[in-house]
Amino acid sequence: MALDQAKKQEIIAKYARGENDTGSTEVQIALITERIIYLTEHLKINKKDHSSRLGLLKLVGQRKRLMRYLKSRDLARWNIIKTDMGIRG
């Protein structure tokens, strides 16, 4: 399982812009990044799991699109999330 409920709530609380914010761009990027980290570790152990590899590539593409959107909307928040999550580009 990728994320348990406690970890997910912790991430949402950290990156939410408001009290009931669960779907802002920053929250989505943070949740996807955690799933990417989990899948990367999984694939280090299970090298032949090609369906998970495909899911990982889809998540990376989705995160890239969200990062591009955030960069066009608010460059300051993009820089904060990029450095905080350790995303290269």
PDB file of N, CA and C in Angstrom:
ATOM      1  N   MET A   1       0.840  -1.186   0.000  1.00  0.00           N
ATOM      2  CA  MET A   1       0.000   0.000   0.000  1.00  0.00           C
ATOM      3  C   MET A   1       0.880   1.243   0.000  1.00  0.00           C
ATOM      4  N   ALA A   2       0.489   2.220  -0.756  1.00  0.00           N
ATOM      5  CA  ALA A   2       1.337   3.383  -0.963  1.00  0.00           C
ATOM      6  C   ALA A   2       1.374   4.313   0.256  1.00  0.00           C
ATOM      7  N   LEU A   3       0.248   4.855   0.655  1.00  0.00           N
ATOM      8  CA  LEU A   3       0.219   5.803   1.765  1.00  0.00           C
ATOM      9  C   LEU A   3      -0.875   5.424   2.744  1.00  0.00           C
ATOM     10  N   ASP A   4      -0.522   5.367   4.031  1.00  0.00           N
ATOM     11  CA  ASP A   4      -1.573   5.138   5.012  1.00  0.00           C
ATOM     12  C   ASP A   4      -2.238   6.477   5.328  1.00  0.00           C
ATOM     13  N   GLN A   5      -3.374   6.411   5.982  1.00  0.00           N
ATOM     14  CA  GLN A   5      -4.200   7.597   6.200  1.00  0.00           C
ATOM     15  C   GLN A   5      -3.483   8.644   7.061  1.00  0.00           C
ATOM     16  N   ALA A   6      -2.718   8.201   8.060  1.00  0.00           N
ATOM     17  CA  ALA A   6      -2.026   9.154   8.934  1.00  0.00           C
ATOM     18  C   ALA A   6      -0.962   9.935   8.158  1.00  0.00           C
ATOM     19  N   LYS A   7      -0.189   9.246   7.333  1.00  0.00           N
ATOM     20  CA  LYS A   7       0.848   9.904   6.536  1.00  0.00           C
ATOM     21  C   LYS A   7       0.220  10.892   5.554  1.00  0.00           C
ATOM     22  N   LYS A   8      -0.889  10.492   4.952  1.00  0.00           N
ATOM     23  CA  LYS A   8      -1.586  11.351   4.003  1.00  0.00           C
ATOM     24  C   LYS A   8      -2.103  12.616   4.694  1.00  0.00           C
ATOM     25  N   GLN A   9      -2.697  12.472   5.870  1.00  0.00           N
ATOM     26  CA  GLN A   9      -3.199  13.629   6.607  1.00  0.00           C
ATOM     27  C   GLN A   9      -2.054  14.558   7.023  1.00  0.00           C
ATOM     28  N   GLU A  10      -0.916  13.980   7.365  1.00  0.00           N
ATOM     29  CA  GLU A  10       0.252  14.775   7.742  1.00  0.00           C
ATOM     30  C   GLU A  10       0.738  15.627   6.562  1.00  0.00           C
ATOM     31  N   ILE A  11       0.781  15.024   5.379  1.00  0.00           N
ATOM     32  CA  ILE A  11       1.209  15.744   4.183  1.00  0.00           C
ATOM     33  C   ILE A  11       0.216  16.841   3.841  1.00  0.00           C
ATOM     34  N   ILE A  12      -1.076  16.523   3.924  1.00  0.00           N
ATOM     35  CA  ILE A  12      -2.112  17.517   3.617  1.00  0.00           C
ATOM     36  C   ILE A  12      -2.024  18.682   4.593  1.00  0.00           C
ATOM     37  N   ALA A  13      -1.822  18.396   5.875  1.00  0.00           N
ATOM     38  CA  ALA A  13      -1.729  19.463   6.872  1.00  0.00           C
ATOM     39  C   ALA A  13      -0.511  20.352   6.624  1.00  0.00           C
ATOM     40  N   LYS A  14       0.571  19.767   6.155  1.00  0.00           N
ATOM     41  CA  LYS A  14       1.799  20.537   5.932  1.00  0.00           C
ATOM     42  C   LYS A  14       1.693  21.464   4.729  1.00  0.00           C
ATOM     43  N   TYR A  15       1.067  21.018   3.643  1.00  0.00           N
ATOM     44  CA  TYR A  15       1.067  21.778   2.405  1.00  0.00           C
ATOM     45  C   TYR A  15      -0.252  22.475   2.090  1.00  0.00           C
ATOM     46  N   ALA A  16      -1.263  22.299   2.918  1.00  0.00           N
ATOM     47  CA  ALA A  16      -2.563  22.923   2.656  1.00  0.00           C
ATOM     48  C   ALA A  16      -2.477  24.432   2.827  1.00  0.00           C
ATOM     49  N   ARG A  17      -3.203  25.146   1.978  1.00  0.00           N
ATOM     50  CA  ARG A  17      -3.218  26.604   2.067  1.00  0.00           C
ATOM     51  C   ARG A  17      -4.291  27.098   3.031  1.00  0.00           C
ATOM     52  N   GLY A  18      -5.307  26.279   3.260  1.00  0.00           N
ATOM     53  CA  GLY A  18      -6.373  26.649   4.174  1.00  0.00           C
ATOM     54  C   GLY A  18      -6.738  25.471   5.061  1.00  0.00           C
ATOM     55  N   GLU A  19      -7.777  25.634   5.846  1.00  0.00           N
ATOM     56  CA  GLU A  19      -8.169  24.591   6.791  1.00  0.00           C
ATOM     57  C   GLU A  19      -8.723  23.353   6.090  1.00  0.00           C
ATOM     58  N   ASN A  20      -9.566  23.545   5.094  1.00  0.00           N
ATOM     59  CA  ASN A  20     -10.200  22.420   4.407  1.00  0.00           C
ATOM     60  C   ASN A  20      -9.591  22.147   3.040  1.00  0.00           C
ATOM     61  N   ASP A  21      -8.371  22.577   2.832  1.00  0.00           N
ATOM     62  CA  ASP A  21      -7.721  22.436   1.536  1.00  0.00           C
ATOM     63  C   ASP A  21      -7.102  21.045   1.408  1.00  0.00           C
ATOM     64  N   THR A  22      -7.649  20.250   0.488  1.00  0.00           N
ATOM     65  CA  THR A  22      -7.080  18.931   0.236  1.00  0.00           C
ATOM     66  C   THR A  22      -6.707  18.733  -1.220  1.00  0.00           C
ATOM     67  N   GLY A  23      -7.032  19.694  -2.068  1.00  0.00           N
ATOM     68  CA  GLY A  23      -6.822  19.476  -3.489  1.00  0.00           C
ATOM     69  C   GLY A  23      -6.019  20.551  -4.183  1.00  0.00           C
ATOM     70  N   SER A  24      -5.353  21.417  -3.430  1.00  0.00           N
ATOM     71  CA  SER A  24      -4.560  22.446  -4.083  1.00  0.00           C
ATOM     72  C   SER A  24      -3.383  21.801  -4.807  1.00  0.00           C
ATOM     73  N   THR A  25      -2.783  22.547  -5.679  1.00  0.00           N
ATOM     74  CA  THR A  25      -1.695  22.030  -6.493  1.00  0.00           C
ATOM     75  C   THR A  25      -0.536  21.550  -5.623  1.00  0.00           C
ATOM     76  N   GLU A  26      -0.215  22.301  -4.578  1.00  0.00           N
ATOM     77  CA  GLU A  26       0.893  21.907  -3.707  1.00  0.00           C
ATOM     78  C   GLU A  26       0.623  20.584  -3.008  1.00  0.00           C
ATOM     79  N   VAL A  27      -0.602  20.398  -2.530  1.00  0.00           N
ATOM     80  CA  VAL A  27      -0.968  19.149  -1.852  1.00  0.00           C
ATOM     81  C   VAL A  27      -0.893  17.981  -2.833  1.00  0.00           C
ATOM     82  N   GLN A  28      -1.401  18.184  -4.037  1.00  0.00           N
ATOM     83  CA  GLN A  28      -1.358  17.118  -5.038  1.00  0.00           C
ATOM     84  C   GLN A  28       0.075  16.741  -5.373  1.00  0.00           C
ATOM     85  N   ILE A  29       0.941  17.728  -5.542  1.00  0.00           N
ATOM     86  CA  ILE A  29       2.349  17.455  -5.861  1.00  0.00           C
ATOM     87  C   ILE A  29       3.013  16.700  -4.720  1.00  0.00           C
ATOM     88  N   ALA A  30       2.736  17.103  -3.485  1.00  0.00           N
ATOM     89  CA  ALA A  30       3.354  16.440  -2.333  1.00  0.00           C
ATOM     90  C   ALA A  30       2.898  14.983  -2.218  1.00  0.00           C
ATOM     91  N   LEU A  31       1.605  14.720  -2.428  1.00  0.00           N
ATOM     92  CA  LEU A  31       1.095  13.355  -2.349  1.00  0.00           C
ATOM     93  C   LEU A  31       1.661  12.488  -3.472  1.00  0.00           C
ATOM     94  N   ILE A  32       1.730  13.033  -4.667  1.00  0.00           N
ATOM     95  CA  ILE A  32       2.287  12.277  -5.788  1.00  0.00           C
ATOM     96  C   ILE A  32       3.765  11.990  -5.552  1.00  0.00           C
ATOM     97  N   THR A  33       4.489  12.955  -4.989  1.00  0.00           N
ATOM     98  CA  THR A  33       5.910  12.753  -4.719  1.00  0.00           C
ATOM     99  C   THR A  33       6.118  11.626  -3.716  1.00  0.00           C
ATOM    100  N   GLU A  34       5.285  11.562  -2.699  1.00  0.00           N
ATOM    101  CA  GLU A  34       5.401  10.471  -1.723  1.00  0.00           C
ATOM    102  C   GLU A  34       5.129   9.123  -2.377  1.00  0.00           C
ATOM    103  N   ARG A  35       4.142   9.073  -3.276  1.00  0.00           N
ATOM    104  CA  ARG A  35       3.870   7.816  -3.992  1.00  0.00           C
ATOM    105  C   ARG A  35       5.029   7.445  -4.907  1.00  0.00           C
ATOM    106  N   ILE A  36       5.647   8.437  -5.535  1.00  0.00           N
ATOM    107  CA  ILE A  36       6.796   8.187  -6.403  1.00  0.00           C
ATOM    108  C   ILE A  36       7.955   7.615  -5.588  1.00  0.00           C
ATOM    109  N   ILE A  37       8.196   8.173  -4.414  1.00  0.00           N
ATOM    110  CA  ILE A  37       9.272   7.667  -3.550  1.00  0.00           C
ATOM    111  C   ILE A  37       8.991   6.223  -3.150  1.00  0.00           C
ATOM    112  N   TYR A  38       7.739   5.933  -2.785  1.00  0.00           N
ATOM    113  CA  TYR A  38       7.378   4.572  -2.403  1.00  0.00           C
ATOM    114  C   TYR A  38       7.579   3.598  -3.564  1.00  0.00           C
ATOM    115  N   LEU A  39       7.109   3.972  -4.749  1.00  0.00           N
ATOM    116  CA  LEU A  39       7.237   3.085  -5.911  1.00  0.00           C
ATOM    117  C   LEU A  39       8.690   2.899  -6.323  1.00  0.00           C
ATOM    118  N   THR A  40       9.496   3.922  -6.171  1.00  0.00           N
ATOM    119  CA  THR A  40      10.915   3.808  -6.503  1.00  0.00           C
ATOM    120  C   THR A  40      11.586   2.777  -5.602  1.00  0.00           C
ATOM    121  N   GLU A  41      11.287   2.829  -4.310  1.00  0.00           N
ATOM    122  CA  GLU A  41      11.848   1.845  -3.383  1.00  0.00           C
ATOM    123  C   GLU A  41      11.334   0.441  -3.700  1.00  0.00           C
ATOM    124  N   HIS A  42      10.059   0.344  -4.059  1.00  0.00           N
ATOM    125  CA  HIS A  42       9.467  -0.945  -4.408  1.00  0.00           C
ATOM    126  C   HIS A  42      10.155  -1.548  -5.632  1.00  0.00           C
ATOM    127  N   LEU A  43      10.444  -0.703  -6.605  1.00  0.00           N
ATOM    128  CA  LEU A  43      11.053  -1.197  -7.842  1.00  0.00           C
ATOM    129  C   LEU A  43      12.530  -1.539  -7.675  1.00  0.00           C
ATOM    130  N   LYS A  44      13.171  -1.007  -6.647  1.00  0.00           N
ATOM    131  CA  LYS A  44      14.552  -1.419  -6.364  1.00  0.00           C
ATOM    132  C   LYS A  44      14.583  -2.871  -5.910  1.00  0.00           C
ATOM    133  N   ILE A  45      13.535  -3.302  -5.217  1.00  0.00           N
ATOM    134  CA  ILE A  45      13.455  -4.680  -4.735  1.00  0.00           C
ATOM    135  C   ILE A  45      12.871  -5.589  -5.809  1.00  0.00           C
ATOM    136  N   ASN A  46      11.806  -5.152  -6.465  1.00  0.00           N
ATOM    137  CA  ASN A  46      11.087  -5.950  -7.458  1.00  0.00           C
ATOM    138  C   ASN A  46      11.380  -5.416  -8.856  1.00  0.00           C
ATOM    139  N   LYS A  47      12.496  -5.804  -9.397  1.00  0.00           N
ATOM    140  CA  LYS A  47      12.968  -5.241 -10.661  1.00  0.00           C
ATOM    141  C   LYS A  47      12.085  -5.605 -11.854  1.00  0.00           C
ATOM    142  N   LYS A  48      11.361  -6.703 -11.786  1.00  0.00           N
ATOM    143  CA  LYS A  48      10.572  -7.158 -12.931  1.00  0.00           C
ATOM    144  C   LYS A  48       9.100  -6.751 -12.852  1.00  0.00           C
ATOM    145  N   ASP A  49       8.755  -5.900 -11.931  1.00  0.00           N
ATOM    146  CA  ASP A  49       7.374  -5.453 -11.767  1.00  0.00           C
ATOM    147  C   ASP A  49       7.088  -4.320 -12.765  1.00  0.00           C
ATOM    148  N   HIS A  50       6.771  -4.696 -13.983  1.00  0.00           N
ATOM    149  CA  HIS A  50       6.627  -3.712 -15.042  1.00  0.00           C
ATOM    150  C   HIS A  50       5.340  -2.905 -14.937  1.00  0.00           C
ATOM    151  N   SER A  51       4.300  -3.459 -14.349  1.00  0.00           N
ATOM    152  CA  SER A  51       3.061  -2.696 -14.199  1.00  0.00           C
ATOM    153  C   SER A  51       3.254  -1.551 -13.199  1.00  0.00           C
ATOM    154  N   SER A  52       4.014  -1.794 -12.142  1.00  0.00           N
ATOM    155  CA  SER A  52       4.317  -0.710 -11.202  1.00  0.00           C
ATOM    156  C   SER A  52       5.229   0.321 -11.840  1.00  0.00           C
ATOM    157  N   ARG A  53       6.123  -0.117 -12.704  1.00  0.00           N
ATOM    158  CA  ARG A  53       7.005   0.814 -13.404  1.00  0.00           C
ATOM    159  C   ARG A  53       6.189   1.749 -14.310  1.00  0.00           C
ATOM    160  N   LEU A  54       5.181   1.188 -14.976  1.00  0.00           N
ATOM    161  CA  LEU A  54       4.305   2.000 -15.811  1.00  0.00           C
ATOM    162  C   LEU A  54       3.538   3.012 -14.958  1.00  0.00           C
ATOM    163  N   GLY A  55       3.041   2.575 -13.816  1.00  0.00           N
ATOM    164  CA  GLY A  55       2.353   3.490 -12.901  1.00  0.00           C
ATOM    165  C   GLY A  55       3.270   4.591 -12.411  1.00  0.00           C
ATOM    166  N   LEU A  56       4.535   4.252 -12.151  1.00  0.00           N
ATOM    167  CA  LEU A  56       5.510   5.248 -11.722  1.00  0.00           C
ATOM    168  C   LEU A  56       5.724   6.300 -12.811  1.00  0.00           C
ATOM    169  N   LEU A  57       5.853   5.854 -14.045  1.00  0.00           N
ATOM    170  CA  LEU A  57       6.054   6.796 -15.143  1.00  0.00           C
ATOM    171  C   LEU A  57       4.850   7.712 -15.321  1.00  0.00           C
ATOM    172  N   LYS A  58       3.652   7.183 -15.130  1.00  0.00           N
ATOM    173  CA  LYS A  58       2.451   8.011 -15.223  1.00  0.00           C
ATOM    174  C   LYS A  58       2.418   9.057 -14.101  1.00  0.00           C
ATOM    175  N   LEU A  59       2.809   8.641 -12.897  1.00  0.00           N
ATOM    176  CA  LEU A  59       2.836   9.586 -11.777  1.00  0.00           C
ATOM    177  C   LEU A  59       3.860  10.690 -12.007  1.00  0.00           C
ATOM    178  N   VAL A  60       5.022  10.333 -12.536  1.00  0.00           N
ATOM    179  CA  VAL A  60       6.050  11.334 -12.810  1.00  0.00           C
ATOM    180  C   VAL A  60       5.540  12.342 -13.840  1.00  0.00           C
ATOM    181  N   GLY A  61       4.855  11.856 -14.869  1.00  0.00           N
ATOM    182  CA  GLY A  61       4.298  12.757 -15.869  1.00  0.00           C
ATOM    183  C   GLY A  61       3.226  13.666 -15.300  1.00  0.00           C
ATOM    184  N   GLN A  62       2.383  13.123 -14.437  1.00  0.00           N
ATOM    185  CA  GLN A  62       1.330  13.917 -13.811  1.00  0.00           C
ATOM    186  C   GLN A  62       1.933  14.997 -12.918  1.00  0.00           C
ATOM    187  N   ARG A  63       2.960  14.627 -12.145  1.00  0.00           N
ATOM    188  CA  ARG A  63       3.622  15.606 -11.281  1.00  0.00           C
ATOM    189  C   ARG A  63       4.295  16.693 -12.122  1.00  0.00           C
ATOM    190  N   LYS A  64       4.873  16.306 -13.239  1.00  0.00           N
ATOM    191  CA  LYS A  64       5.520  17.277 -14.118  1.00  0.00           C
ATOM    192  C   LYS A  64       4.511  18.294 -14.658  1.00  0.00           C
ATOM    193  N   ARG A  65       3.333  17.801 -15.043  1.00  0.00           N
ATOM    194  CA  ARG A  65       2.298  18.709 -15.524  1.00  0.00           C
ATOM    195  C   ARG A  65       1.821  19.659 -14.417  1.00  0.00           C
ATOM    196  N   LEU A  66       1.648  19.137 -13.205  1.00  0.00           N
ATOM    197  CA  LEU A  66       1.230  19.989 -12.091  1.00  0.00           C
ATOM    198  C   LEU A  66       2.295  21.023 -11.752  1.00  0.00           C
ATOM    199  N   MET A  67       3.569  20.625 -11.824  1.00  0.00           N
ATOM    200  CA  MET A  67       4.655  21.562 -11.556  1.00  0.00           C
ATOM    201  C   MET A  67       4.690  22.664 -12.619  1.00  0.00           C
ATOM    202  N   ARG A  68       4.466  22.300 -13.866  1.00  0.00           N
ATOM    203  CA  ARG A  68       4.439  23.295 -14.939  1.00  0.00           C
ATOM    204  C   ARG A  68       3.293  24.284 -14.718  1.00  0.00           C
ATOM    205  N   TYR A  69       2.127  23.775 -14.312  1.00  0.00           N
ATOM    206  CA  TYR A  69       0.980  24.635 -14.028  1.00  0.00           C
ATOM    207  C   TYR A  69       1.295  25.587 -12.872  1.00  0.00           C
ATOM    208  N   LEU A  70       1.869  25.050 -11.793  1.00  0.00           N
ATOM    209  CA  LEU A  70       2.175  25.876 -10.627  1.00  0.00           C
ATOM    210  C   LEU A  70       3.216  26.935 -10.973  1.00  0.00           C
ATOM    211  N   LYS A  71       4.182  26.573 -11.802  1.00  0.00           N
ATOM    212  CA  LYS A  71       5.216  27.530 -12.205  1.00  0.00           C
ATOM    213  C   LYS A  71       4.608  28.686 -12.994  1.00  0.00           C
ATOM    214  N   SER A  72       3.627  28.396 -13.826  1.00  0.00           N
ATOM    215  CA  SER A  72       3.007  29.455 -14.616  1.00  0.00           C
ATOM    216  C   SER A  72       2.100  30.333 -13.760  1.00  0.00           C
ATOM    217  N   ARG A  73       1.547  29.793 -12.690  1.00  0.00           N
ATOM    218  CA  ARG A  73       0.622  30.546 -11.847  1.00  0.00           C
ATOM    219  C   ARG A  73       1.325  31.322 -10.739  1.00  0.00           C
ATOM    220  N   ASP A  74       2.263  30.669 -10.032  1.00  0.00           N
ATOM    221  CA  ASP A  74       2.889  31.306  -8.870  1.00  0.00           C
ATOM    222  C   ASP A  74       4.310  30.773  -8.726  1.00  0.00           C
ATOM    223  N   LEU A  75       5.273  31.549  -9.188  1.00  0.00           N
ATOM    224  CA  LEU A  75       6.665  31.120  -9.201  1.00  0.00           C
ATOM    225  C   LEU A  75       7.230  30.954  -7.792  1.00  0.00           C
ATOM    226  N   ALA A  76       6.797  31.765  -6.848  1.00  0.00           N
ATOM    227  CA  ALA A  76       7.308  31.668  -5.474  1.00  0.00           C
ATOM    228  C   ALA A  76       6.901  30.343  -4.833  1.00  0.00           C
ATOM    229  N   ARG A  77       5.629  29.982  -4.973  1.00  0.00           N
ATOM    230  CA  ARG A  77       5.172  28.698  -4.411  1.00  0.00           C
ATOM    231  C   ARG A  77       5.838  27.540  -5.128  1.00  0.00           C
ATOM    232  N   TRP A  78       6.087  27.668  -6.436  1.00  0.00           N
ATOM    233  CA  TRP A  78       6.776  26.621  -7.201  1.00  0.00           C
ATOM    234  C   TRP A  78       8.177  26.402  -6.649  1.00  0.00           C
ATOM    235  N   ASN A  79       8.901  27.494  -6.373  1.00  0.00           N
ATOM    236  CA  ASN A  79      10.251  27.370  -5.815  1.00  0.00           C
ATOM    237  C   ASN A  79      10.232  26.723  -4.439  1.00  0.00           C
ATOM    238  N   ILE A  80       9.246  27.074  -3.623  1.00  0.00           N
ATOM    239  CA  ILE A  80       9.151  26.508  -2.276  1.00  0.00           C
ATOM    240  C   ILE A  80       8.903  25.008  -2.339  1.00  0.00           C
ATOM    241  N   ILE A  81       7.928  24.586  -3.135  1.00  0.00           N
ATOM    242  CA  ILE A  81       7.595  23.154  -3.203  1.00  0.00           C
ATOM    243  C   ILE A  81       8.727  22.372  -3.852  1.00  0.00           C
ATOM    244  N   LYS A  82       9.402  22.976  -4.819  1.00  0.00           N
ATOM    245  CA  LYS A  82      10.498  22.291  -5.512  1.00  0.00           C
ATOM    246  C   LYS A  82      11.658  22.027  -4.555  1.00  0.00           C
ATOM    247  N   THR A  83      12.053  23.016  -3.776  1.00  0.00           N
ATOM    248  CA  THR A  83      13.163  22.815  -2.860  1.00  0.00           C
ATOM    249  C   THR A  83      12.769  21.939  -1.681  1.00  0.00           C
ATOM    250  N   ASP A  84      11.537  22.096  -1.205  1.00  0.00           N
ATOM    251  CA  ASP A  84      11.082  21.316  -0.052  1.00  0.00           C
ATOM    252  C   ASP A  84      10.955  19.828  -0.369  1.00  0.00           C
ATOM    253  N   MET A  85      10.463  19.499  -1.552  1.00  0.00           N
ATOM    254  CA  MET A  85      10.276  18.096  -1.924  1.00  0.00           C
ATOM    255  C   MET A  85      11.515  17.488  -2.593  1.00  0.00           C
ATOM    256  N   GLY A  86      12.481  18.328  -2.941  1.00  0.00           N
ATOM    257  CA  GLY A  86      13.691  17.812  -3.571  1.00  0.00           C
ATOM    258  C   GLY A  86      13.495  17.445  -5.034  1.00  0.00           C
ATOM    259  N   ILE A  87      12.631  18.184  -5.720  1.00  0.00           N
ATOM    260  CA  ILE A  87      12.350  17.920  -7.134  1.00  0.00           C
ATOM    261  C   ILE A  87      13.341  18.733  -7.953  1.00  0.00           C
ATOM    262  N   ARG A  88      13.900  18.100  -8.958  1.00  0.00           N
ATOM    263  CA  ARG A  88      14.962  18.744  -9.726  1.00  0.00           C
ATOM    264  C   ARG A  88      14.471  19.829 -10.665  1.00  0.00           C
ATOM    265  N   GLY A  89      13.351  19.627 -11.314  1.00  0.00           N
ATOM    266  CA  GLY A  89      13.129  20.544 -12.360  1.00  0.00           C
ATOM    267  C   GLY A  89      11.904  21.229 -12.575  1.00  0.00           C
TER     268      GLY A  89
END
